[in-house]
Amino acid sequence: MKILNLISITAIPVLMTIILLHGLIKGVKLYDVFIEGAQEGFKTAVKIMPYLIAIFLAVNIMRKSGGMELLTKIFIPLTKPLGIPSEVLPLAFIRPFSGSGSLALLKDIITTYGADTFIGRVASTMMGSAETIFYTMAIYFGAVGIQKSRHTVFAALISHVAAVLASVMICRLMFR
């Protein structure tokens, strides 16, 4: 255990030192390259800002308008036979759009039902199994200027559904 602590404490400083030394040995003007990279990062951040604002706005509207409750009620008849607790459905719906929104939902679920309940375990497993699909697509596609997502959305949504189902299945096998 002490070795893991030592590795975790020293890994980033050692890696940074190796990178800087390698740059010095190769004759790279480190400060100039750093400033150039920072400028490029800032340009990318400005370029993807509209995509991020759109996603955050849509998630907030969905939560505040009562759309999430309506969506949950619509899906309960479909998810109940699959053993998916209705309490985790809002998390399953928000997770593809917002990491911070889904983290807030996870906190609410754990506060309400407890971390060691089936619902808490499914929500925690789901949080670790699923990705913020649309947020990630907005960042990467926006950064390189891709306008058409083609098959990406469909494939990503299939993987999300698989993650939700796997979360329930694994928790059912492990904890029931």
Protein backbone atom coordinates (compact mmCIF):
# COMPACT_ATOMS: atom_id res chain seq x y z
CA MET A 1 0.00 0.00 0.00
CA LYS A 2 2.88 2.39 0.76
CA ILE A 3 4.32 1.76 -2.70
CA LEU A 4 1.03 2.77 -4.34
CA ASN A 5 0.93 5.96 -2.27
CA LEU A 6 4.48 6.78 -3.29
CA ILE A 7 3.70 6.14 -6.96
CA SER A 8 0.55 8.27 -6.86
CA ILE A 9 2.34 11.17 -5.18
CA THR A 10 5.39 11.15 -7.48
CA ALA A 11 3.96 10.05 -10.85
CA ILE A 12 2.97 13.47 -12.21
CA PRO A 13 6.06 15.40 -11.01
CA VAL A 14 8.36 12.67 -12.38
CA LEU A 15 6.52 12.60 -15.72
CA MET A 16 6.65 16.41 -16.00
CA THR A 17 10.39 16.38 -15.22
CA ILE A 18 11.05 13.72 -17.86
CA ILE A 19 9.10 15.69 -20.49
CA LEU A 20 10.93 18.93 -19.66
CA LEU A 21 14.34 17.25 -19.67
CA HIS A 22 13.58 15.57 -22.99
CA GLY A 23 12.61 18.94 -24.45
CA LEU A 24 15.80 20.54 -23.16
CA ILE A 25 17.95 17.74 -24.57
CA LYS A 26 16.22 18.05 -27.97
CA GLY A 27 16.76 21.84 -27.95
CA VAL A 28 13.08 22.77 -27.83
CA LYS A 29 12.30 26.33 -26.75
CA LEU A 30 10.05 25.21 -23.91
CA TYR A 31 8.50 28.57 -23.01
CA ASP A 32 7.68 29.43 -26.63
CA VAL A 33 6.12 26.04 -27.24
CA PHE A 34 4.12 26.32 -24.00
CA ILE A 35 2.74 29.75 -24.98
CA GLU A 36 1.87 28.49 -28.47
CA GLY A 37 0.00 25.52 -26.96
CA ALA A 38 -1.84 27.77 -24.51
CA GLN A 39 -2.96 30.05 -27.35
CA GLU A 40 -4.21 27.07 -29.35
CA GLY A 41 -6.07 25.75 -26.29
CA PHE A 42 -7.74 29.12 -25.76
CA LYS A 43 -8.82 29.27 -29.43
CA THR A 44 -10.30 25.76 -29.11
CA ALA A 45 -12.15 26.71 -25.91
CA VAL A 46 -13.72 29.74 -27.61
CA LYS A 47 -14.62 27.62 -30.66
CA ILE A 48 -16.51 24.97 -28.65
CA MET A 49 -18.23 27.39 -26.24
CA PRO A 50 -21.53 27.61 -28.21
CA TYR A 51 -21.88 23.81 -28.20
CA LEU A 52 -21.34 23.62 -24.44
CA ILE A 53 -23.80 26.43 -23.74
CA ALA A 54 -26.45 24.67 -25.85
CA ILE A 55 -26.02 21.40 -23.95
CA PHE A 56 -26.09 23.03 -20.50
CA LEU A 57 -29.15 25.06 -21.44
CA ALA A 58 -31.02 22.01 -22.76
CA VAL A 59 -30.28 19.95 -19.64
CA ASN A 60 -31.35 22.77 -17.35
CA ILE A 61 -34.60 23.34 -19.26
CA MET A 62 -35.35 19.61 -19.12
CA ARG A 63 -34.86 19.47 -15.35
CA LYS A 64 -36.66 22.71 -14.46
CA SER A 65 -39.66 22.26 -16.78
CA GLY A 66 -40.76 18.91 -15.38
CA GLY A 67 -39.77 17.15 -18.58
CA MET A 68 -37.60 14.72 -16.65
CA GLU A 69 -40.52 13.53 -14.50
CA LEU A 70 -42.70 13.13 -17.60
CA LEU A 71 -39.98 11.18 -19.42
CA THR A 72 -39.50 8.94 -16.38
CA LYS A 73 -43.24 8.18 -16.18
CA ILE A 74 -43.32 7.33 -19.89
CA PHE A 75 -40.39 4.89 -19.61
CA ILE A 76 -41.40 3.08 -16.38
CA PRO A 77 -43.59 0.51 -18.22
CA LEU A 78 -40.64 -0.31 -20.51
CA THR A 79 -37.93 -0.44 -17.86
CA LYS A 80 -39.79 -2.15 -15.03
CA PRO A 81 -39.76 -5.59 -16.75
CA LEU A 82 -36.00 -5.17 -17.26
CA GLY A 83 -35.52 -4.63 -13.52
CA ILE A 84 -34.31 -1.05 -13.87
CA PRO A 85 -35.39 0.89 -10.78
CA SER A 86 -37.47 3.93 -11.72
CA GLU A 87 -35.43 6.00 -9.26
CA VAL A 88 -32.34 5.75 -11.48
CA LEU A 89 -34.09 6.63 -14.75
CA PRO A 90 -33.42 10.38 -14.44
CA LEU A 91 -29.72 9.55 -14.06
CA ALA A 92 -29.87 7.33 -17.14
CA PHE A 93 -31.46 10.18 -19.12
CA ILE A 94 -29.16 12.99 -17.95
CA ARG A 95 -25.85 11.10 -18.03
CA PRO A 96 -25.38 11.32 -21.82
CA PHE A 97 -25.75 15.10 -21.66
CA SER A 98 -24.15 16.36 -18.47
CA GLY A 99 -21.54 15.03 -16.09
CA SER A 100 -22.22 17.64 -13.42
CA GLY A 101 -26.00 17.22 -13.76
CA SER A 102 -25.71 13.47 -13.42
CA LEU A 103 -23.36 13.85 -10.45
CA ALA A 104 -25.97 16.02 -8.73
CA LEU A 105 -28.62 13.36 -9.44
CA LEU A 106 -26.33 10.64 -8.08
CA LYS A 107 -25.84 12.67 -4.91
CA ASP A 108 -29.62 13.02 -4.53
CA ILE A 109 -30.15 9.28 -5.09
CA ILE A 110 -27.49 8.30 -2.55
CA THR A 111 -28.77 10.85 -0.02
CA THR A 112 -32.35 9.62 -0.44
CA TYR A 113 -31.85 5.85 -0.73
CA GLY A 114 -28.36 5.25 0.67
CA ALA A 115 -25.13 4.08 -0.92
CA ASP A 116 -25.56 0.45 0.18
CA THR A 117 -29.05 -0.02 -1.26
CA PHE A 118 -29.74 -1.67 -4.59
CA ILE A 119 -30.81 1.69 -6.04
CA GLY A 120 -27.67 3.41 -4.74
CA ARG A 121 -25.42 0.70 -6.11
CA VAL A 122 -27.12 0.67 -9.52
CA ALA A 123 -26.85 4.47 -9.72
CA SER A 124 -23.17 4.41 -8.72
CA THR A 125 -22.35 1.65 -11.20
CA MET A 126 -24.29 3.44 -13.93
CA MET A 127 -22.41 6.66 -13.22
CA GLY A 128 -19.10 4.87 -13.69
CA SER A 129 -20.23 2.84 -16.70
CA ALA A 130 -21.82 5.49 -18.88
CA GLU A 131 -20.28 8.49 -20.60
CA THR A 132 -21.43 12.05 -21.25
CA ILE A 133 -21.94 11.32 -24.95
CA PHE A 134 -23.29 14.63 -26.18
CA TYR A 135 -20.91 16.71 -24.08
CA THR A 136 -17.95 14.73 -25.39
CA MET A 137 -19.21 14.95 -28.97
CA ALA A 138 -19.73 18.70 -28.62
CA ILE A 139 -16.16 19.17 -27.45
CA TYR A 140 -14.42 16.90 -29.96
CA PHE A 141 -16.63 17.54 -32.97
CA GLY A 142 -16.77 21.27 -32.22
CA ALA A 143 -12.99 21.46 -31.85
CA VAL A 144 -12.36 20.00 -35.30
CA GLY A 145 -15.43 21.49 -36.99
CA ILE A 146 -17.39 18.33 -37.72
CA GLN A 147 -20.98 19.28 -38.63
CA LYS A 148 -22.53 15.86 -39.29
CA SER A 149 -22.24 13.21 -36.63
CA ARG A 150 -23.37 10.43 -39.01
CA HIS A 151 -23.48 7.16 -37.07
CA THR A 152 -21.76 8.42 -33.94
CA VAL A 153 -24.93 9.37 -32.06
CA PHE A 154 -26.65 6.07 -32.79
CA ALA A 155 -23.61 4.00 -31.79
CA ALA A 156 -23.05 6.09 -28.65
CA LEU A 157 -26.69 5.74 -27.58
CA ILE A 158 -26.50 1.96 -28.07
CA SER A 159 -23.43 1.89 -25.84
CA HIS A 160 -25.27 4.00 -23.25
CA VAL A 161 -28.25 1.64 -23.19
CA ALA A 162 -25.81 -1.27 -22.85
CA ALA A 163 -24.11 0.49 -19.92
CA VAL A 164 -27.46 1.08 -18.18
CA LEU A 165 -28.55 -2.53 -18.65
CA ALA A 166 -25.15 -3.88 -17.62
CA SER A 167 -25.21 -1.73 -14.46
CA VAL A 168 -28.52 -3.26 -13.40
CA MET A 169 -27.45 -6.79 -14.35
CA ILE A 170 -24.11 -6.62 -12.56
CA CYS A 171 -25.66 -5.14 -9.41
CA ARG A 172 -28.38 -7.77 -9.47
CA LEU A 173 -25.76 -10.54 -9.73
CA MET A 174 -23.40 -9.04 -7.15
CA PHE A 175 -25.74 -7.61 -4.54
CA ARG A 176 -29.03 -9.51 -4.58
